[in-house]
Amino acid sequence: MNAFITAILIFGTYAASKKIYITTIAVSLALPMLVSIWLSHFADMPFLVFVGDCFAIAFLAFLVIVILSFIFGEQEVTTNVIYASIVTYLLIAIMWAFVYSVLESIQPGSFTIGKDQIDVGKRLYIYYSFVTITTLGYGDITPATDLANSFSFLEAVIGQLYIAILIARLVGMQIAQSMNKKAS
């Protein structure tokens, strides 16, 4: 899992590297998280993990904003726009997994975890986040506090609004492209 998250950091920073100030911000947010991920293998320091998770949230939110600005700045539907749209949705879900991890650190017992779930690490929160953003809701992990419930609700709404707004934008762009081609 840590290798996967490290890959996200590296490729995300690379994807955001069109402008030097964006790269500087991305590296500044990604580096503390990267250090936290790998140092946690050598020392049991919950505070270090907590700080790394907070930087992960900031980094992923920043990356989502950068990619969304690319998507909404484009005038044509291209393969890159489609890929960026998919990646953004996945990054939003991963960002929420870190939110849930931070919430559990601050307020232990925020989630009720089914007896069949043995892993209570990041993988579980990633699973829960994807189940929530897609509004699938298996029920094997559920929010147990008001704050966890509110965050889960917010993620589900954001996930559905993202899909609705993005589909509307892409369809509108495609119609405009088709009309421009017919007029030419």
N, C-alpha and C. Protein backbone atom coordinates (compact mmCIF):
# COMPACT_ATOMS: atom_id res chain seq x y z
N MET A 1 0.82 -1.19 0.00
CA MET A 1 0.00 0.00 0.00
C MET A 1 0.87 1.26 0.00
N ASN A 2 1.95 1.23 0.78
CA ASN A 2 2.83 2.39 0.83
C ASN A 2 3.51 2.66 -0.50
N ALA A 3 3.84 1.61 -1.22
CA ALA A 3 4.44 1.79 -2.55
C ALA A 3 3.42 2.43 -3.49
N PHE A 4 2.17 2.02 -3.38
CA PHE A 4 1.10 2.60 -4.19
C PHE A 4 0.93 4.09 -3.90
N ILE A 5 0.91 4.44 -2.64
CA ILE A 5 0.76 5.84 -2.24
C ILE A 5 1.98 6.65 -2.66
N THR A 6 3.16 6.06 -2.56
CA THR A 6 4.38 6.73 -3.02
C THR A 6 4.31 6.99 -4.51
N ALA A 7 3.82 6.02 -5.26
CA ALA A 7 3.66 6.20 -6.71
C ALA A 7 2.70 7.34 -7.01
N ILE A 8 1.62 7.44 -6.26
CA ILE A 8 0.67 8.54 -6.44
C ILE A 8 1.38 9.87 -6.21
N LEU A 9 2.19 9.93 -5.18
CA LEU A 9 2.93 11.17 -4.88
C LEU A 9 3.86 11.55 -6.02
N ILE A 10 4.61 10.59 -6.50
CA ILE A 10 5.58 10.88 -7.56
C ILE A 10 4.89 11.26 -8.86
N PHE A 11 3.95 10.44 -9.30
CA PHE A 11 3.27 10.72 -10.57
C PHE A 11 2.37 11.95 -10.46
N GLY A 12 1.77 12.15 -9.29
CA GLY A 12 0.95 13.34 -9.10
C GLY A 12 1.76 14.62 -9.16
N THR A 13 2.93 14.59 -8.56
CA THR A 13 3.81 15.75 -8.61
C THR A 13 4.29 15.98 -10.04
N TYR A 14 4.61 14.91 -10.73
CA TYR A 14 5.04 15.03 -12.13
C TYR A 14 3.91 15.60 -12.99
N ALA A 15 2.68 15.13 -12.76
CA ALA A 15 1.55 15.60 -13.56
C ALA A 15 1.28 17.08 -13.31
N ALA A 16 1.58 17.54 -12.12
CA ALA A 16 1.32 18.94 -11.78
C ALA A 16 2.50 19.84 -12.11
N SER A 17 3.51 19.32 -12.79
CA SER A 17 4.77 20.05 -12.94
C SER A 17 4.84 20.97 -14.17
N LYS A 18 3.74 21.39 -14.70
CA LYS A 18 3.79 22.29 -15.86
C LYS A 18 4.27 23.69 -15.48
N LYS A 19 4.00 24.10 -14.28
CA LYS A 19 4.43 25.42 -13.82
C LYS A 19 5.26 25.23 -12.57
N ILE A 20 6.32 26.00 -12.44
CA ILE A 20 7.27 25.82 -11.34
C ILE A 20 6.62 26.05 -9.98
N TYR A 21 5.72 27.02 -9.86
CA TYR A 21 5.11 27.27 -8.55
C TYR A 21 4.17 26.13 -8.16
N ILE A 22 3.54 25.50 -9.13
CA ILE A 22 2.68 24.35 -8.83
C ILE A 22 3.53 23.17 -8.38
N THR A 23 4.65 22.97 -9.05
CA THR A 23 5.57 21.89 -8.67
C THR A 23 6.11 22.12 -7.27
N THR A 24 6.46 23.36 -6.95
CA THR A 24 6.99 23.68 -5.63
C THR A 24 5.97 23.38 -4.54
N ILE A 25 4.72 23.78 -4.78
CA ILE A 25 3.67 23.50 -3.80
C ILE A 25 3.45 22.00 -3.67
N ALA A 26 3.39 21.30 -4.80
CA ALA A 26 3.16 19.84 -4.77
C ALA A 26 4.27 19.12 -4.01
N VAL A 27 5.51 19.47 -4.28
CA VAL A 27 6.63 18.82 -3.59
C VAL A 27 6.60 19.16 -2.10
N SER A 28 6.27 20.41 -1.77
CA SER A 28 6.21 20.82 -0.36
C SER A 28 5.15 20.05 0.41
N LEU A 29 4.07 19.70 -0.25
CA LEU A 29 3.01 18.93 0.41
C LEU A 29 3.30 17.43 0.40
N ALA A 30 3.93 16.96 -0.67
CA ALA A 30 4.17 15.52 -0.82
C ALA A 30 5.33 15.02 0.03
N LEU A 31 6.36 15.81 0.16
CA LEU A 31 7.56 15.36 0.86
C LEU A 31 7.31 14.97 2.31
N PRO A 32 6.60 15.77 3.12
CA PRO A 32 6.35 15.33 4.51
C PRO A 32 5.55 14.03 4.57
N MET A 33 4.64 13.85 3.63
CA MET A 33 3.87 12.62 3.62
C MET A 33 4.77 11.43 3.28
N LEU A 34 5.63 11.61 2.29
CA LEU A 34 6.53 10.55 1.87
C LEU A 34 7.46 10.15 3.02
N VAL A 35 7.99 11.13 3.70
CA VAL A 35 8.87 10.86 4.85
C VAL A 35 8.09 10.11 5.93
N SER A 36 6.88 10.54 6.19
CA SER A 36 6.05 9.90 7.20
C SER A 36 5.75 8.44 6.85
N ILE A 37 5.43 8.19 5.60
CA ILE A 37 5.10 6.83 5.17
C ILE A 37 6.26 5.88 5.42
N TRP A 38 7.43 6.30 5.02
CA TRP A 38 8.57 5.38 5.09
C TRP A 38 9.22 5.35 6.47
N LEU A 39 9.16 6.45 7.22
CA LEU A 39 9.70 6.42 8.58
C LEU A 39 8.84 5.58 9.52
N SER A 40 7.56 5.47 9.21
CA SER A 40 6.67 4.70 10.07
C SER A 40 7.04 3.21 10.08
N HIS A 41 7.83 2.77 9.11
CA HIS A 41 8.31 1.38 9.10
C HIS A 41 9.42 1.16 10.13
N PHE A 42 10.10 2.22 10.49
CA PHE A 42 11.25 2.09 11.39
C PHE A 42 10.95 2.52 12.82
N ALA A 43 9.93 3.36 12.99
CA ALA A 43 9.60 3.85 14.33
C ALA A 43 8.09 3.91 14.49
N ASP A 44 7.62 3.49 15.63
CA ASP A 44 6.18 3.55 15.92
C ASP A 44 5.86 4.92 16.52
N MET A 45 5.54 5.87 15.64
CA MET A 45 5.26 7.24 16.07
C MET A 45 3.91 7.67 15.49
N PRO A 46 2.83 7.46 16.23
CA PRO A 46 1.50 7.80 15.72
C PRO A 46 1.37 9.26 15.28
N PHE A 47 2.07 10.16 15.98
CA PHE A 47 2.00 11.57 15.60
C PHE A 47 2.58 11.79 14.20
N LEU A 48 3.65 11.09 13.88
CA LEU A 48 4.27 11.19 12.57
C LEU A 48 3.29 10.73 11.48
N VAL A 49 2.60 9.64 11.73
CA VAL A 49 1.60 9.14 10.78
C VAL A 49 0.47 10.15 10.64
N PHE A 50 0.03 10.71 11.75
CA PHE A 50 -1.05 11.71 11.73
C PHE A 50 -0.66 12.91 10.88
N VAL A 51 0.54 13.43 11.09
CA VAL A 51 1.01 14.59 10.32
C VAL A 51 1.13 14.22 8.84
N GLY A 52 1.66 13.03 8.56
CA GLY A 52 1.76 12.57 7.17
C GLY A 52 0.39 12.47 6.51
N ASP A 53 -0.60 11.97 7.25
CA ASP A 53 -1.96 11.87 6.72
C ASP A 53 -2.55 13.25 6.43
N CYS A 54 -2.27 14.21 7.30
CA CYS A 54 -2.76 15.58 7.08
C CYS A 54 -2.14 16.17 5.82
N PHE A 55 -0.84 15.95 5.64
CA PHE A 55 -0.19 16.42 4.41
C PHE A 55 -0.72 15.68 3.19
N ALA A 56 -1.07 14.41 3.35
CA ALA A 56 -1.66 13.65 2.24
C ALA A 56 -2.98 14.27 1.80
N ILE A 57 -3.79 14.66 2.75
CA ILE A 57 -5.07 15.30 2.43
C ILE A 57 -4.82 16.60 1.66
N ALA A 58 -3.90 17.40 2.17
CA ALA A 58 -3.59 18.68 1.51
C ALA A 58 -3.03 18.45 0.11
N PHE A 59 -2.11 17.49 -0.03
CA PHE A 59 -1.51 17.20 -1.33
C PHE A 59 -2.56 16.71 -2.32
N LEU A 60 -3.37 15.77 -1.90
CA LEU A 60 -4.39 15.22 -2.81
C LEU A 60 -5.44 16.27 -3.17
N ALA A 61 -5.83 17.11 -2.22
CA ALA A 61 -6.77 18.18 -2.52
C ALA A 61 -6.16 19.15 -3.53
N PHE A 62 -4.90 19.48 -3.34
CA PHE A 62 -4.20 20.37 -4.27
C PHE A 62 -4.14 19.74 -5.66
N LEU A 63 -3.81 18.47 -5.72
CA LEU A 63 -3.73 17.76 -6.99
C LEU A 63 -5.08 17.72 -7.69
N VAL A 64 -6.13 17.48 -6.94
CA VAL A 64 -7.49 17.47 -7.50
C VAL A 64 -7.82 18.83 -8.10
N ILE A 65 -7.48 19.89 -7.39
CA ILE A 65 -7.75 21.26 -7.89
C ILE A 65 -6.97 21.53 -9.17
N VAL A 66 -5.70 21.13 -9.20
CA VAL A 66 -4.87 21.35 -10.39
C VAL A 66 -5.45 20.60 -11.59
N ILE A 67 -5.82 19.35 -11.38
CA ILE A 67 -6.35 18.55 -12.48
C ILE A 67 -7.72 19.06 -12.92
N LEU A 68 -8.56 19.45 -11.97
CA LEU A 68 -9.87 20.01 -12.33
C LEU A 68 -9.73 21.30 -13.12
N SER A 69 -8.73 22.12 -12.76
CA SER A 69 -8.53 23.36 -13.53
C SER A 69 -8.11 23.03 -14.96
N PHE A 70 -7.35 21.95 -15.14
CA PHE A 70 -7.00 21.50 -16.48
C PHE A 70 -8.26 21.05 -17.23
N ILE A 71 -9.07 20.22 -16.58
CA ILE A 71 -10.28 19.68 -17.22
C ILE A 71 -11.21 20.82 -17.65
N PHE A 72 -11.49 21.73 -16.73
CA PHE A 72 -12.44 22.80 -17.05
C PHE A 72 -11.83 23.90 -17.90
N GLY A 73 -10.53 23.89 -18.08
CA GLY A 73 -9.87 24.85 -18.96
C GLY A 73 -9.81 24.40 -20.40
N GLU A 74 -10.03 23.12 -20.63
CA GLU A 74 -9.97 22.57 -21.99
C GLU A 74 -11.25 22.90 -22.76
N GLN A 75 -11.10 23.07 -24.05
CA GLN A 75 -12.25 23.38 -24.90
C GLN A 75 -12.71 22.17 -25.72
N GLU A 76 -11.90 21.13 -25.74
CA GLU A 76 -12.24 19.92 -26.49
C GLU A 76 -12.14 18.71 -25.58
N VAL A 77 -12.99 17.72 -25.87
CA VAL A 77 -12.91 16.46 -25.17
C VAL A 77 -11.82 15.63 -25.85
N THR A 78 -10.75 15.39 -25.12
CA THR A 78 -9.64 14.59 -25.63
C THR A 78 -9.45 13.39 -24.70
N THR A 79 -8.59 12.51 -25.11
CA THR A 79 -8.26 11.36 -24.27
C THR A 79 -7.69 11.82 -22.94
N ASN A 80 -6.85 12.85 -22.97
CA ASN A 80 -6.27 13.37 -21.73
C ASN A 80 -7.34 13.92 -20.78
N VAL A 81 -8.35 14.55 -21.32
CA VAL A 81 -9.44 15.08 -20.48
C VAL A 81 -10.21 13.92 -19.84
N ILE A 82 -10.46 12.87 -20.60
CA ILE A 82 -11.16 11.70 -20.05
C ILE A 82 -10.31 11.05 -18.96
N TYR A 83 -9.02 10.84 -19.23
CA TYR A 83 -8.13 10.25 -18.22
C TYR A 83 -8.06 11.12 -16.98
N ALA A 84 -7.94 12.41 -17.18
CA ALA A 84 -7.87 13.34 -16.03
C ALA A 84 -9.14 13.27 -15.20
N SER A 85 -10.27 13.12 -15.85
CA SER A 85 -11.55 13.02 -15.14
C SER A 85 -11.60 11.76 -14.28
N ILE A 86 -11.14 10.66 -14.83
CA ILE A 86 -11.12 9.39 -14.09
C ILE A 86 -10.16 9.48 -12.91
N VAL A 87 -8.96 9.98 -13.17
CA VAL A 87 -7.94 10.08 -12.13
C VAL A 87 -8.42 10.99 -11.00
N THR A 88 -9.08 12.07 -11.34
CA THR A 88 -9.58 12.99 -10.31
C THR A 88 -10.57 12.30 -9.39
N TYR A 89 -11.48 11.53 -9.96
CA TYR A 89 -12.47 10.80 -9.16
C TYR A 89 -11.76 9.84 -8.19
N LEU A 90 -10.77 9.13 -8.69
CA LEU A 90 -10.03 8.19 -7.85
C LEU A 90 -9.23 8.91 -6.77
N LEU A 91 -8.63 10.05 -7.12
CA LEU A 91 -7.87 10.82 -6.13
C LEU A 91 -8.77 11.39 -5.04
N ILE A 92 -9.97 11.79 -5.42
CA ILE A 92 -10.93 12.28 -4.41
C ILE A 92 -11.22 11.17 -3.41
N ALA A 93 -11.45 9.97 -3.90
CA ALA A 93 -11.73 8.85 -2.99
C ALA A 93 -10.54 8.55 -2.09
N ILE A 94 -9.34 8.57 -2.63
CA ILE A 94 -8.15 8.31 -1.82
C ILE A 94 -7.95 9.42 -0.79
N MET A 95 -8.23 10.67 -1.18
CA MET A 95 -8.12 11.78 -0.24
C MET A 95 -9.07 11.56 0.95
N TRP A 96 -10.30 11.13 0.66
CA TRP A 96 -11.26 10.89 1.73
C TRP A 96 -10.81 9.75 2.64
N ALA A 97 -10.10 8.77 2.09
CA ALA A 97 -9.58 7.69 2.94
C ALA A 97 -8.64 8.26 4.00
N PHE A 98 -7.82 9.22 3.59
CA PHE A 98 -6.93 9.87 4.56
C PHE A 98 -7.72 10.71 5.56
N VAL A 99 -8.79 11.33 5.11
CA VAL A 99 -9.66 12.09 6.03
C VAL A 99 -10.19 11.15 7.11
N TYR A 100 -10.66 9.97 6.70
CA TYR A 100 -11.19 9.01 7.67
C TYR A 100 -10.11 8.51 8.61
N SER A 101 -8.90 8.33 8.10
CA SER A 101 -7.79 7.90 8.94
C SER A 101 -7.46 8.96 10.00
N VAL A 102 -7.44 10.21 9.57
CA VAL A 102 -7.20 11.32 10.51
C VAL A 102 -8.33 11.40 11.53
N LEU A 103 -9.56 11.26 11.08
CA LEU A 103 -10.70 11.30 11.98
C LEU A 103 -10.61 10.20 13.03
N GLU A 104 -10.25 9.01 12.61
CA GLU A 104 -10.11 7.90 13.55
C GLU A 104 -8.97 8.15 14.54
N SER A 105 -7.92 8.85 14.08
CA SER A 105 -6.81 9.19 14.99
C SER A 105 -7.25 10.20 16.04
N ILE A 106 -8.04 11.17 15.61
CA ILE A 106 -8.50 12.22 16.53
C ILE A 106 -9.60 11.70 17.45
N GLN A 107 -10.51 10.93 16.87
CA GLN A 107 -11.68 10.46 17.62
C GLN A 107 -11.81 8.93 17.43
N PRO A 108 -11.03 8.16 18.19
CA PRO A 108 -11.10 6.69 18.05
C PRO A 108 -12.53 6.18 18.24
N GLY A 109 -12.88 5.18 17.45
CA GLY A 109 -14.23 4.63 17.51
C GLY A 109 -15.20 5.35 16.60
N SER A 110 -14.68 6.14 15.67
CA SER A 110 -15.55 6.88 14.75
C SER A 110 -16.28 5.96 13.78
N PHE A 111 -15.75 4.74 13.62
CA PHE A 111 -16.35 3.80 12.69
C PHE A 111 -16.60 2.47 13.39
N THR A 112 -17.71 1.85 13.06
CA THR A 112 -18.00 0.51 13.53
C THR A 112 -17.56 -0.44 12.43
N ILE A 113 -16.66 -1.32 12.78
CA ILE A 113 -16.07 -2.22 11.80
C ILE A 113 -16.59 -3.63 12.05
N GLY A 114 -17.08 -4.25 10.98
CA GLY A 114 -17.62 -5.60 11.09
C GLY A 114 -16.60 -6.59 11.60
N LYS A 115 -17.08 -7.66 12.22
CA LYS A 115 -16.17 -8.63 12.83
C LYS A 115 -15.32 -9.38 11.80
N ASP A 116 -15.76 -9.39 10.54
CA ASP A 116 -15.00 -10.07 9.49
C ASP A 116 -13.83 -9.23 8.98
N GLN A 117 -13.80 -7.94 9.30
CA GLN A 117 -12.71 -7.06 8.87
C GLN A 117 -11.58 -7.16 9.88
N ILE A 118 -10.44 -7.67 9.45
CA ILE A 118 -9.32 -7.80 10.38
C ILE A 118 -8.31 -6.67 10.22
N ASP A 119 -8.26 -6.04 9.06
CA ASP A 119 -7.29 -4.97 8.80
C ASP A 119 -7.95 -3.63 9.09
N VAL A 120 -7.39 -2.89 10.03
CA VAL A 120 -7.96 -1.59 10.38
C VAL A 120 -7.02 -0.48 9.95
N GLY A 121 -6.20 -0.71 8.95
CA GLY A 121 -5.27 0.30 8.47
C GLY A 121 -5.82 1.12 7.33
N LYS A 122 -4.92 1.72 6.58
CA LYS A 122 -5.29 2.58 5.45
C LYS A 122 -6.13 1.84 4.41
N ARG A 123 -5.80 0.55 4.20
CA ARG A 123 -6.54 -0.22 3.21
C ARG A 123 -8.03 -0.23 3.52
N LEU A 124 -8.36 -0.35 4.79
CA LEU A 124 -9.77 -0.37 5.20
C LEU A 124 -10.43 0.97 4.91
N TYR A 125 -9.73 2.06 5.15
CA TYR A 125 -10.31 3.38 4.89
C TYR A 125 -10.41 3.65 3.39
N ILE A 126 -9.47 3.13 2.62
CA ILE A 126 -9.58 3.27 1.16
C ILE A 126 -10.79 2.50 0.67
N TYR A 127 -10.95 1.29 1.18
CA TYR A 127 -12.13 0.48 0.83
C TYR A 127 -13.42 1.24 1.21
N TYR A 128 -13.47 1.73 2.43
CA TYR A 128 -14.67 2.44 2.89
C TYR A 128 -14.93 3.68 2.04
N SER A 129 -13.88 4.39 1.69
CA SER A 129 -14.04 5.60 0.89
C SER A 129 -14.62 5.29 -0.49
N PHE A 130 -14.11 4.25 -1.14
CA PHE A 130 -14.64 3.90 -2.46
C PHE A 130 -16.07 3.39 -2.38
N VAL A 131 -16.39 2.67 -1.32
CA VAL A 131 -17.77 2.21 -1.13
C VAL A 131 -18.69 3.41 -0.88
N THR A 132 -18.18 4.42 -0.20
CA THR A 132 -18.97 5.61 0.11
C THR A 132 -19.12 6.52 -1.10
N ILE A 133 -18.03 6.81 -1.82
CA ILE A 133 -18.09 7.75 -2.94
C ILE A 133 -18.98 7.21 -4.07
N THR A 134 -19.03 5.90 -4.19
CA THR A 134 -19.89 5.30 -5.21
C THR A 134 -21.30 5.06 -4.68
N THR A 135 -21.55 5.37 -3.44
CA THR A 135 -22.81 5.16 -2.73
C THR A 135 -23.26 3.71 -2.77
N LEU A 136 -22.30 2.80 -2.77
CA LEU A 136 -22.59 1.38 -2.77
C LEU A 136 -23.03 0.92 -1.38
N GLY A 137 -22.22 1.23 -0.38
CA GLY A 137 -22.58 0.99 1.01
C GLY A 137 -22.85 -0.45 1.38
N TYR A 138 -21.83 -1.26 1.49
CA TYR A 138 -22.02 -2.66 1.90
C TYR A 138 -22.50 -2.79 3.34
N GLY A 139 -22.09 -1.88 4.20
CA GLY A 139 -22.52 -1.92 5.59
C GLY A 139 -21.57 -2.66 6.52
N ASP A 140 -20.43 -3.14 6.00
CA ASP A 140 -19.49 -3.85 6.86
C ASP A 140 -18.60 -2.90 7.67
N ILE A 141 -18.59 -1.64 7.28
CA ILE A 141 -17.97 -0.58 8.08
C ILE A 141 -18.92 0.60 7.99
N THR A 142 -19.27 1.15 9.14
CA THR A 142 -20.25 2.23 9.17
C THR A 142 -19.77 3.34 10.09
N PRO A 143 -20.19 4.57 9.80
CA PRO A 143 -19.82 5.68 10.69
C PRO A 143 -20.53 5.51 12.04
N ALA A 144 -19.81 5.76 13.12
CA ALA A 144 -20.37 5.59 14.45
C ALA A 144 -20.51 6.89 15.22
N THR A 145 -19.96 7.99 14.68
CA THR A 145 -20.07 9.29 15.34
C THR A 145 -20.72 10.27 14.38
N ASP A 146 -21.18 11.37 14.92
CA ASP A 146 -21.81 12.40 14.08
C ASP A 146 -20.84 12.94 13.04
N LEU A 147 -19.58 13.16 13.44
CA LEU A 147 -18.60 13.70 12.51
C LEU A 147 -18.28 12.70 11.39
N ALA A 148 -18.11 11.45 11.74
CA ALA A 148 -17.86 10.41 10.72
C ALA A 148 -19.06 10.30 9.79
N ASN A 149 -20.24 10.38 10.35
CA ASN A 149 -21.47 10.33 9.55
C ASN A 149 -21.54 11.52 8.59
N SER A 150 -21.22 12.69 9.09
CA SER A 150 -21.25 13.90 8.25
C SER A 150 -20.22 13.82 7.13
N PHE A 151 -19.01 13.38 7.45
CA PHE A 151 -17.98 13.23 6.42
C PHE A 151 -18.39 12.20 5.37
N SER A 152 -18.97 11.11 5.81
CA SER A 152 -19.40 10.07 4.87
C SER A 152 -20.49 10.60 3.95
N PHE A 153 -21.42 11.32 4.53
CA PHE A 153 -22.49 11.93 3.74
C PHE A 153 -21.92 12.92 2.74
N LEU A 154 -20.99 13.74 3.20
CA LEU A 154 -20.37 14.75 2.34
C LEU A 154 -19.62 14.09 1.18
N GLU A 155 -18.88 13.02 1.46
CA GLU A 155 -18.16 12.33 0.39
C GLU A 155 -19.13 11.75 -0.63
N ALA A 156 -20.22 11.15 -0.18
CA ALA A 156 -21.20 10.57 -1.10
C ALA A 156 -21.81 11.65 -1.99
N VAL A 157 -22.15 12.78 -1.41
CA VAL A 157 -22.72 13.88 -2.19
C VAL A 157 -21.69 14.43 -3.19
N ILE A 158 -20.46 14.63 -2.73
CA ILE A 158 -19.41 15.12 -3.63
C ILE A 158 -19.19 14.14 -4.77
N GLY A 159 -19.18 12.86 -4.48
CA GLY A 159 -19.00 11.85 -5.52
C GLY A 159 -20.09 11.90 -6.57
N GLN A 160 -21.32 12.04 -6.14
CA GLN A 160 -22.44 12.09 -7.09
C GLN A 160 -22.46 13.41 -7.86
N LEU A 161 -22.20 14.51 -7.18
CA LEU A 161 -22.14 15.80 -7.87
C LEU A 161 -21.00 15.85 -8.87
N TYR A 162 -19.87 15.28 -8.51
CA TYR A 162 -18.73 15.24 -9.42
C TYR A 162 -19.12 14.56 -10.72
N ILE A 163 -19.73 13.39 -10.59
CA ILE A 163 -20.13 12.65 -11.79
C ILE A 163 -21.14 13.45 -12.61
N ALA A 164 -22.16 14.00 -11.96
CA ALA A 164 -23.20 14.74 -12.68
C ALA A 164 -22.64 15.98 -13.38
N ILE A 165 -21.85 16.75 -12.67
CA ILE A 165 -21.30 17.99 -13.24
C ILE A 165 -20.28 17.67 -14.33
N LEU A 166 -19.43 16.71 -14.09
CA LEU A 166 -18.41 16.37 -15.08
C LEU A 166 -19.03 15.80 -16.35
N ILE A 167 -20.00 14.92 -16.21
CA ILE A 167 -20.68 14.36 -17.38
C ILE A 167 -21.34 15.49 -18.17
N ALA A 168 -22.01 16.41 -17.48
CA ALA A 168 -22.65 17.54 -18.15
C ALA A 168 -21.61 18.38 -18.89
N ARG A 169 -20.48 18.62 -18.26
CA ARG A 169 -19.42 19.41 -18.89
C ARG A 169 -18.87 18.70 -20.13
N LEU A 170 -18.57 17.42 -20.01
CA LEU A 170 -18.00 16.67 -21.13
C LEU A 170 -19.00 16.54 -22.28
N VAL A 171 -20.27 16.30 -21.96
CA VAL A 171 -21.29 16.21 -23.02
C VAL A 171 -21.45 17.57 -23.69
N GLY A 172 -21.46 18.64 -22.90
CA GLY A 172 -21.56 19.99 -23.48
C GLY A 172 -20.39 20.30 -24.39
N MET A 173 -19.20 19.92 -23.97
CA MET A 173 -18.00 20.14 -24.79
C MET A 173 -18.09 19.32 -26.08
N GLN A 174 -18.56 18.09 -25.97
CA GLN A 174 -18.66 17.22 -27.15
C GLN A 174 -19.69 17.76 -28.14
N ILE A 175 -20.81 18.25 -27.65
CA ILE A 175 -21.83 18.84 -28.53
C ILE A 175 -21.28 20.08 -29.22
N ALA A 176 -20.57 20.93 -28.47
CA ALA A 176 -19.98 22.13 -29.06
C ALA A 176 -18.95 21.75 -30.12
N GLN A 177 -18.15 20.72 -29.86
CA GLN A 177 -17.18 20.25 -30.85
C GLN A 177 -17.88 19.78 -32.12
N SER A 178 -18.94 19.00 -31.95
CA SER A 178 -19.68 18.47 -33.11
C SER A 178 -20.30 19.58 -33.91
N MET A 179 -20.85 20.59 -33.24
CA MET A 179 -21.49 21.71 -33.94
C MET A 179 -20.45 22.53 -34.69
N ASN A 180 -19.28 22.72 -34.09
CA ASN A 180 -18.20 23.47 -34.74
C ASN A 180 -17.69 22.74 -35.97
N LYS A 181 -17.60 21.42 -35.90
CA LYS A 181 -17.15 20.63 -37.04
C LYS A 181 -18.18 20.67 -38.17
N LYS A 182 -19.47 20.64 -37.83
CA LYS A 182 -20.52 20.69 -38.85
C LYS A 182 -20.57 22.07 -39.51
N ALA A 183 -20.31 23.12 -38.73
CA ALA A 183 -20.34 24.48 -39.26
C ALA A 183 -19.16 24.76 -40.18
N SER A 184 -18.07 23.99 -40.02
CA SER A 184 -16.87 24.22 -40.81
C SER A 184 -16.97 23.68 -42.18
